[in-house]
Amino acid sequence: MDKYIKGKAGYIVMQDGSYAYESECRRADFDDSLIYKEFGLPENKRTIPSEQIMRKESLEVLKEWEKNDCKVEY
């Protein structure tokens, strides 16, 4: 599944360049809309429990990414 990316325009992108809109994915019973909605809520309002782990390590990786001159904007 790591070859799939949710793009800015609301579609699922595969690394080979093909894609499907979120609405098409829902019709195929591939519906992640609840997960997207949950991420937009404060933790105490979410219905899916979550736990943030490795915060320090993830921030280090993010800082390295910010310095990367070869980023591909999506």
PDB file of N, CA and C in Angstrom:
ATOM      1  N   MET A   1       0.809  -1.209   0.000  1.00  0.00           N
ATOM      2  CA  MET A   1       0.000   0.000   0.000  1.00  0.00           C
ATOM      3  C   MET A   1       0.845   1.262   0.000  1.00  0.00           C
ATOM      4  N   ASP A   2       2.154   1.141   0.208  1.00  0.00           N
ATOM      5  CA  ASP A   2       2.966   2.347   0.258  1.00  0.00           C
ATOM      6  C   ASP A   2       3.095   3.015  -1.103  1.00  0.00           C
ATOM      7  N   LYS A   3       2.579   2.397  -2.172  1.00  0.00           N
ATOM      8  CA  LYS A   3       2.642   3.040  -3.472  1.00  0.00           C
ATOM      9  C   LYS A   3       1.458   3.974  -3.717  1.00  0.00           C
ATOM     10  N   TYR A   4       0.543   4.106  -2.768  1.00  0.00           N
ATOM     11  CA  TYR A   4      -0.614   4.968  -2.903  1.00  0.00           C
ATOM     12  C   TYR A   4      -0.422   6.249  -2.100  1.00  0.00           C
ATOM     13  N   ILE A   5      -0.781   7.375  -2.683  1.00  0.00           N
ATOM     14  CA  ILE A   5      -0.658   8.681  -2.031  1.00  0.00           C
ATOM     15  C   ILE A   5      -1.971   9.421  -2.246  1.00  0.00           C
ATOM     16  N   LYS A   6      -2.479  10.068  -1.206  1.00  0.00           N
ATOM     17  CA  LYS A   6      -3.677  10.896  -1.356  1.00  0.00           C
ATOM     18  C   LYS A   6      -3.219  12.261  -1.844  1.00  0.00           C
ATOM     19  N   GLY A   7      -3.645  12.658  -3.023  1.00  0.00           N
ATOM     20  CA  GLY A   7      -3.228  13.928  -3.608  1.00  0.00           C
ATOM     21  C   GLY A   7      -4.037  15.097  -3.088  1.00  0.00           C
ATOM     22  N   LYS A   8      -3.551  16.325  -3.370  1.00  0.00           N
ATOM     23  CA  LYS A   8      -4.213  17.549  -2.922  1.00  0.00           C
ATOM     24  C   LYS A   8      -5.628  17.677  -3.465  1.00  0.00           C
ATOM     25  N   ALA A   9      -5.869  17.189  -4.659  1.00  0.00           N
ATOM     26  CA  ALA A   9      -7.171  17.360  -5.297  1.00  0.00           C
ATOM     27  C   ALA A   9      -8.188  16.309  -4.863  1.00  0.00           C
ATOM     28  N   GLY A  10      -7.857  15.492  -3.862  1.00  0.00           N
ATOM     29  CA  GLY A  10      -8.807  14.519  -3.355  1.00  0.00           C
ATOM     30  C   GLY A  10      -8.854  13.237  -4.150  1.00  0.00           C
ATOM     31  N   TYR A  11      -7.736  12.805  -4.672  1.00  0.00           N
ATOM     32  CA  TYR A  11      -7.719  11.520  -5.351  1.00  0.00           C
ATOM     33  C   TYR A  11      -6.564  10.677  -4.857  1.00  0.00           C
ATOM     34  N   ILE A  12      -6.658   9.387  -5.105  1.00  0.00           N
ATOM     35  CA  ILE A  12      -5.625   8.444  -4.709  1.00  0.00           C
ATOM     36  C   ILE A  12      -4.667   8.301  -5.888  1.00  0.00           C
ATOM     37  N   VAL A  13      -3.385   8.489  -5.630  1.00  0.00           N
ATOM     38  CA  VAL A  13      -2.378   8.433  -6.689  1.00  0.00           C
ATOM     39  C   VAL A  13      -1.506   7.210  -6.470  1.00  0.00           C
ATOM     40  N   MET A  14      -1.258   6.464  -7.520  1.00  0.00           N
ATOM     41  CA  MET A  14      -0.321   5.350  -7.453  1.00  0.00           C
ATOM     42  C   MET A  14       1.002   5.827  -8.033  1.00  0.00           C
ATOM     43  N   GLN A  15       2.102   5.264  -7.573  1.00  0.00           N
ATOM     44  CA  GLN A  15       3.404   5.700  -8.044  1.00  0.00           C
ATOM     45  C   GLN A  15       3.561   5.566  -9.551  1.00  0.00           C
ATOM     46  N   ASP A  16       2.812   4.683 -10.179  1.00  0.00           N
ATOM     47  CA  ASP A  16       2.942   4.551 -11.631  1.00  0.00           C
ATOM     48  C   ASP A  16       2.145   5.608 -12.380  1.00  0.00           C
ATOM     49  N   GLY A  17       1.435   6.466 -11.654  1.00  0.00           N
ATOM     50  CA  GLY A  17       0.750   7.590 -12.276  1.00  0.00           C
ATOM     51  C   GLY A  17      -0.741   7.417 -12.465  1.00  0.00           C
ATOM     52  N   SER A  18      -1.294   6.228 -12.307  1.00  0.00           N
ATOM     53  CA  SER A  18      -2.732   6.073 -12.441  1.00  0.00           C
ATOM     54  C   SER A  18      -3.409   6.500 -11.144  1.00  0.00           C
ATOM     55  N   TYR A  19      -4.678   6.824 -11.210  1.00  0.00           N
ATOM     56  CA  TYR A  19      -5.356   7.331 -10.017  1.00  0.00           C
ATOM     57  C   TYR A  19      -6.845   7.021 -10.072  1.00  0.00           C
ATOM     58  N   ALA A  20      -7.476   7.196  -8.922  1.00  0.00           N
ATOM     59  CA  ALA A  20      -8.930   7.088  -8.813  1.00  0.00           C
ATOM     60  C   ALA A  20      -9.389   8.151  -7.824  1.00  0.00           C
ATOM     61  N   TYR A  21     -10.500   8.797  -8.130  1.00  0.00           N
ATOM     62  CA  TYR A  21     -11.049   9.783  -7.207  1.00  0.00           C
ATOM     63  C   TYR A  21     -11.559   9.091  -5.946  1.00  0.00           C
ATOM     64  N   GLU A  22     -11.580   9.836  -4.844  1.00  0.00           N
ATOM     65  CA  GLU A  22     -12.058   9.257  -3.584  1.00  0.00           C
ATOM     66  C   GLU A  22     -13.471   8.709  -3.725  1.00  0.00           C
ATOM     67  N   SER A  23     -14.326   9.408  -4.462  1.00  0.00           N
ATOM     68  CA  SER A  23     -15.706   8.934  -4.639  1.00  0.00           C
ATOM     69  C   SER A  23     -15.734   7.583  -5.351  1.00  0.00           C
ATOM     70  N   GLU A  24     -14.829   7.382  -6.309  1.00  0.00           N
ATOM     71  CA  GLU A  24     -14.745   6.094  -7.006  1.00  0.00           C
ATOM     72  C   GLU A  24     -14.250   5.002  -6.067  1.00  0.00           C
ATOM     73  N   CYS A  25     -13.310   5.354  -5.214  1.00  0.00           N
ATOM     74  CA  CYS A  25     -12.797   4.390  -4.232  1.00  0.00           C
ATOM     75  C   CYS A  25     -13.901   3.967  -3.273  1.00  0.00           C
ATOM     76  N   ARG A  26     -14.726   4.929  -2.833  1.00  0.00           N
ATOM     77  CA  ARG A  26     -15.833   4.597  -1.927  1.00  0.00           C
ATOM     78  C   ARG A  26     -16.793   3.609  -2.579  1.00  0.00           C
ATOM     79  N   ARG A  27     -17.096   3.822  -3.866  1.00  0.00           N
ATOM     80  CA  ARG A  27     -18.001   2.898  -4.575  1.00  0.00           C
ATOM     81  C   ARG A  27     -17.418   1.491  -4.639  1.00  0.00           C
ATOM     82  N   ALA A  28     -16.095   1.386  -4.597  1.00  0.00           N
ATOM     83  CA  ALA A  28     -15.429   0.078  -4.640  1.00  0.00           C
ATOM     84  C   ALA A  28     -15.169  -0.458  -3.231  1.00  0.00           C
ATOM     85  N   ASP A  29     -15.856   0.112  -2.236  1.00  0.00           N
ATOM     86  CA  ASP A  29     -15.703  -0.274  -0.829  1.00  0.00           C
ATOM     87  C   ASP A  29     -14.296  -0.032  -0.294  1.00  0.00           C
ATOM     88  N   PHE A  30     -13.627   0.965  -0.852  1.00  0.00           N
ATOM     89  CA  PHE A  30     -12.321   1.393  -0.358  1.00  0.00           C
ATOM     90  C   PHE A  30     -12.530   2.799   0.184  1.00  0.00           C
ATOM     91  N   ASP A  31     -13.176   2.885   1.337  1.00  0.00           N
ATOM     92  CA  ASP A  31     -13.617   4.172   1.874  1.00  0.00           C
ATOM     93  C   ASP A  31     -12.831   4.542   3.122  1.00  0.00           C
ATOM     94  N   ASP A  32     -11.942   5.482   2.989  1.00  0.00           N
ATOM     95  CA  ASP A  32     -11.158   5.974   4.118  1.00  0.00           C
ATOM     96  C   ASP A  32     -11.657   7.330   4.613  1.00  0.00           C
ATOM     97  N   SER A  33     -12.855   7.746   4.200  1.00  0.00           N
ATOM     98  CA  SER A  33     -13.334   9.081   4.552  1.00  0.00           C
ATOM     99  C   SER A  33     -13.446   9.280   6.062  1.00  0.00           C
ATOM    100  N   LEU A  34     -13.813   8.241   6.812  1.00  0.00           N
ATOM    101  CA  LEU A  34     -13.885   8.375   8.270  1.00  0.00           C
ATOM    102  C   LEU A  34     -12.501   8.683   8.848  1.00  0.00           C
ATOM    103  N   ILE A  35     -11.481   8.026   8.315  1.00  0.00           N
ATOM    104  CA  ILE A  35     -10.117   8.261   8.808  1.00  0.00           C
ATOM    105  C   ILE A  35      -9.702   9.700   8.525  1.00  0.00           C
ATOM    106  N   TYR A  36      -9.962  10.196   7.297  1.00  0.00           N
ATOM    107  CA  TYR A  36      -9.619  11.582   6.967  1.00  0.00           C
ATOM    108  C   TYR A  36     -10.358  12.544   7.895  1.00  0.00           C
ATOM    109  N   LYS A  37     -11.639  12.262   8.154  1.00  0.00           N
ATOM    110  CA  LYS A  37     -12.444  13.111   9.038  1.00  0.00           C
ATOM    111  C   LYS A  37     -11.878  13.091  10.459  1.00  0.00           C
ATOM    112  N   GLU A  38     -11.511  11.917  10.942  1.00  0.00           N
ATOM    113  CA  GLU A  38     -10.981  11.772  12.299  1.00  0.00           C
ATOM    114  C   GLU A  38      -9.709  12.603  12.499  1.00  0.00           C
ATOM    115  N   PHE A  39      -8.817  12.602  11.512  1.00  0.00           N
ATOM    116  CA  PHE A  39      -7.573  13.358  11.644  1.00  0.00           C
ATOM    117  C   PHE A  39      -7.821  14.855  11.796  1.00  0.00           C
ATOM    118  N   GLY A  40      -8.965  15.334  11.320  1.00  0.00           N
ATOM    119  CA  GLY A  40      -9.294  16.745  11.432  1.00  0.00           C
ATOM    120  C   GLY A  40      -9.906  17.134  12.770  1.00  0.00           C
ATOM    121  N   LEU A  41     -10.165  16.159  13.617  1.00  0.00           N
ATOM    122  CA  LEU A  41     -10.797  16.416  14.914  1.00  0.00           C
ATOM    123  C   LEU A  41      -9.760  16.445  16.032  1.00  0.00           C
ATOM    124  N   PRO A  42     -10.056  17.171  17.119  1.00  0.00           N
ATOM    125  CA  PRO A  42      -9.184  17.076  18.297  1.00  0.00           C
ATOM    126  C   PRO A  42      -9.202  15.637  18.820  1.00  0.00           C
ATOM    127  N   GLU A  43      -8.109  15.208  19.413  1.00  0.00           N
ATOM    128  CA  GLU A  43      -8.003  13.812  19.876  1.00  0.00           C
ATOM    129  C   GLU A  43      -9.162  13.395  20.773  1.00  0.00           C
ATOM    130  N   ASN A  44      -9.618  14.290  21.645  1.00  0.00           N
ATOM    131  CA  ASN A  44     -10.685  13.920  22.584  1.00  0.00           C
ATOM    132  C   ASN A  44     -12.059  13.816  21.916  1.00  0.00           C
ATOM    133  N   LYS A  45     -12.176  14.180  20.646  1.00  0.00           N
ATOM    134  CA  LYS A  45     -13.445  14.089  19.913  1.00  0.00           C
ATOM    135  C   LYS A  45     -13.456  12.935  18.909  1.00  0.00           C
ATOM    136  N   ARG A  46     -12.345  12.225  18.758  1.00  0.00           N
ATOM    137  CA  ARG A  46     -12.241  11.152  17.772  1.00  0.00           C
ATOM    138  C   ARG A  46     -12.942   9.880  18.255  1.00  0.00           C
ATOM    139  N   THR A  47     -13.512   9.142  17.305  1.00  0.00           N
ATOM    140  CA  THR A  47     -14.136   7.861  17.638  1.00  0.00           C
ATOM    141  C   THR A  47     -13.155   6.703  17.466  1.00  0.00           C
ATOM    142  N   ILE A  48     -12.070   6.927  16.725  1.00  0.00           N
ATOM    143  CA  ILE A  48     -11.030   5.911  16.548  1.00  0.00           C
ATOM    144  C   ILE A  48      -9.876   6.272  17.476  1.00  0.00           C
ATOM    145  N   PRO A  49      -9.556   5.411  18.437  1.00  0.00           N
ATOM    146  CA  PRO A  49      -8.454   5.727  19.347  1.00  0.00           C
ATOM    147  C   PRO A  49      -7.133   5.810  18.585  1.00  0.00           C
ATOM    148  N   SER A  50      -6.278   6.712  19.025  1.00  0.00           N
ATOM    149  CA  SER A  50      -4.958   6.837  18.404  1.00  0.00           C
ATOM    150  C   SER A  50      -3.939   7.185  19.476  1.00  0.00           C
ATOM    151  N   GLU A  51      -2.705   6.918  19.154  1.00  0.00           N
ATOM    152  CA  GLU A  51      -1.615   7.231  20.069  1.00  0.00           C
ATOM    153  C   GLU A  51      -0.440   7.715  19.232  1.00  0.00           C
ATOM    154  N   GLN A  52       0.049   8.896  19.539  1.00  0.00           N
ATOM    155  CA  GLN A  52       1.209   9.407  18.822  1.00  0.00           C
ATOM    156  C   GLN A  52       2.462   8.780  19.419  1.00  0.00           C
ATOM    157  N   ILE A  53       3.294   8.224  18.560  1.00  0.00           N
ATOM    158  CA  ILE A  53       4.533   7.595  19.015  1.00  0.00           C
ATOM    159  C   ILE A  53       5.705   8.170  18.227  1.00  0.00           C
ATOM    160  N   MET A  54       6.886   8.028  18.767  1.00  0.00           N
ATOM    161  CA  MET A  54       8.126   8.429  18.116  1.00  0.00           C
ATOM    162  C   MET A  54       8.103   9.891  17.651  1.00  0.00           C
ATOM    163  N   ARG A  55       7.542  10.781  18.460  1.00  0.00           N
ATOM    164  CA  ARG A  55       7.420  12.204  18.106  1.00  0.00           C
ATOM    165  C   ARG A  55       8.780  12.814  17.800  1.00  0.00           C
ATOM    166  N   LYS A  56       9.744  12.612  18.684  1.00  0.00           N
ATOM    167  CA  LYS A  56      11.068  13.202  18.493  1.00  0.00           C
ATOM    168  C   LYS A  56      11.691  12.727  17.180  1.00  0.00           C
ATOM    169  N   GLU A  57      11.621  11.427  16.926  1.00  0.00           N
ATOM    170  CA  GLU A  57      12.203  10.865  15.713  1.00  0.00           C
ATOM    171  C   GLU A  57      11.503  11.383  14.458  1.00  0.00           C
ATOM    172  N   SER A  58      10.190  11.502  14.518  1.00  0.00           N
ATOM    173  CA  SER A  58       9.455  11.973  13.342  1.00  0.00           C
ATOM    174  C   SER A  58       9.781  13.429  13.033  1.00  0.00           C
ATOM    175  N   LEU A  59       9.986  14.238  14.066  1.00  0.00           N
ATOM    176  CA  LEU A  59      10.355  15.635  13.835  1.00  0.00           C
ATOM    177  C   LEU A  59      11.743  15.749  13.222  1.00  0.00           C
ATOM    178  N   GLU A  60      12.647  14.863  13.610  1.00  0.00           N
ATOM    179  CA  GLU A  60      13.984  14.857  13.012  1.00  0.00           C
ATOM    180  C   GLU A  60      13.905  14.531  11.523  1.00  0.00           C
ATOM    181  N   VAL A  61      13.092  13.555  11.167  1.00  0.00           N
ATOM    182  CA  VAL A  61      12.920  13.196   9.759  1.00  0.00           C
ATOM    183  C   VAL A  61      12.291  14.353   8.995  1.00  0.00           C
ATOM    184  N   LEU A  62      11.295  15.002   9.576  1.00  0.00           N
ATOM    185  CA  LEU A  62      10.637  16.130   8.931  1.00  0.00           C
ATOM    186  C   LEU A  62      11.615  17.278   8.696  1.00  0.00           C
ATOM    187  N   LYS A  63      12.468  17.558   9.663  1.00  0.00           N
ATOM    188  CA  LYS A  63      13.477  18.615   9.491  1.00  0.00           C
ATOM    189  C   LYS A  63      14.411  18.296   8.335  1.00  0.00           C
ATOM    190  N   GLU A  64      14.808  17.040   8.203  1.00  0.00           N
ATOM    191  CA  GLU A  64      15.662  16.628   7.081  1.00  0.00           C
ATOM    192  C   GLU A  64      14.922  16.808   5.756  1.00  0.00           C
ATOM    193  N   TRP A  65      13.651  16.456   5.740  1.00  0.00           N
ATOM    194  CA  TRP A  65      12.848  16.609   4.528  1.00  0.00           C
ATOM    195  C   TRP A  65      12.751  18.078   4.124  1.00  0.00           C
ATOM    196  N   GLU A  66      12.572  18.961   5.099  1.00  0.00           N
ATOM    197  CA  GLU A  66      12.462  20.389   4.799  1.00  0.00           C
ATOM    198  C   GLU A  66      13.730  20.923   4.139  1.00  0.00           C
ATOM    199  N   LYS A  67      14.871  20.339   4.457  1.00  0.00           N
ATOM    200  CA  LYS A  67      16.148  20.769   3.879  1.00  0.00           C
ATOM    201  C   LYS A  67      16.402  20.163   2.500  1.00  0.00           C
ATOM    202  N   ASN A  68      15.613  19.203   2.095  1.00  0.00           N
ATOM    203  CA  ASN A  68      15.815  18.481   0.839  1.00  0.00           C
ATOM    204  C   ASN A  68      15.550  19.397  -0.358  1.00  0.00           C
ATOM    205  N   ASP A  69      16.534  19.547  -1.230  1.00  0.00           N
ATOM    206  CA  ASP A  69      16.383  20.379  -2.421  1.00  0.00           C
ATOM    207  C   ASP A  69      15.766  19.631  -3.598  1.00  0.00           C
ATOM    208  N   CYS A  70      15.570  18.342  -3.468  1.00  0.00           N
ATOM    209  CA  CYS A  70      15.080  17.513  -4.580  1.00  0.00           C
ATOM    210  C   CYS A  70      13.636  17.071  -4.372  1.00  0.00           C
ATOM    211  N   LYS A  71      12.858  17.822  -3.594  1.00  0.00           N
ATOM    212  CA  LYS A  71      11.468  17.430  -3.337  1.00  0.00           C
ATOM    213  C   LYS A  71      10.636  17.537  -4.612  1.00  0.00           C
ATOM    214  N   VAL A  72       9.712  16.620  -4.762  1.00  0.00           N
ATOM    215  CA  VAL A  72       8.746  16.669  -5.848  1.00  0.00           C
ATOM    216  C   VAL A  72       7.429  17.124  -5.240  1.00  0.00           C
ATOM    217  N   GLU A  73       6.933  18.293  -5.668  1.00  0.00           N
ATOM    218  CA  GLU A  73       5.681  18.814  -5.114  1.00  0.00           C
ATOM    219  C   GLU A  73       4.505  17.999  -5.641  1.00  0.00           C
ATOM    220  N   TYR A  74       3.582  17.694  -4.751  1.00  0.00           N
ATOM    221  CA  TYR A  74       2.374  16.973  -5.158  1.00  0.00           C
ATOM    222  C   TYR A  74       1.163  17.608  -4.553  1.00  0.00           C
TER     223      TYR A  74
END
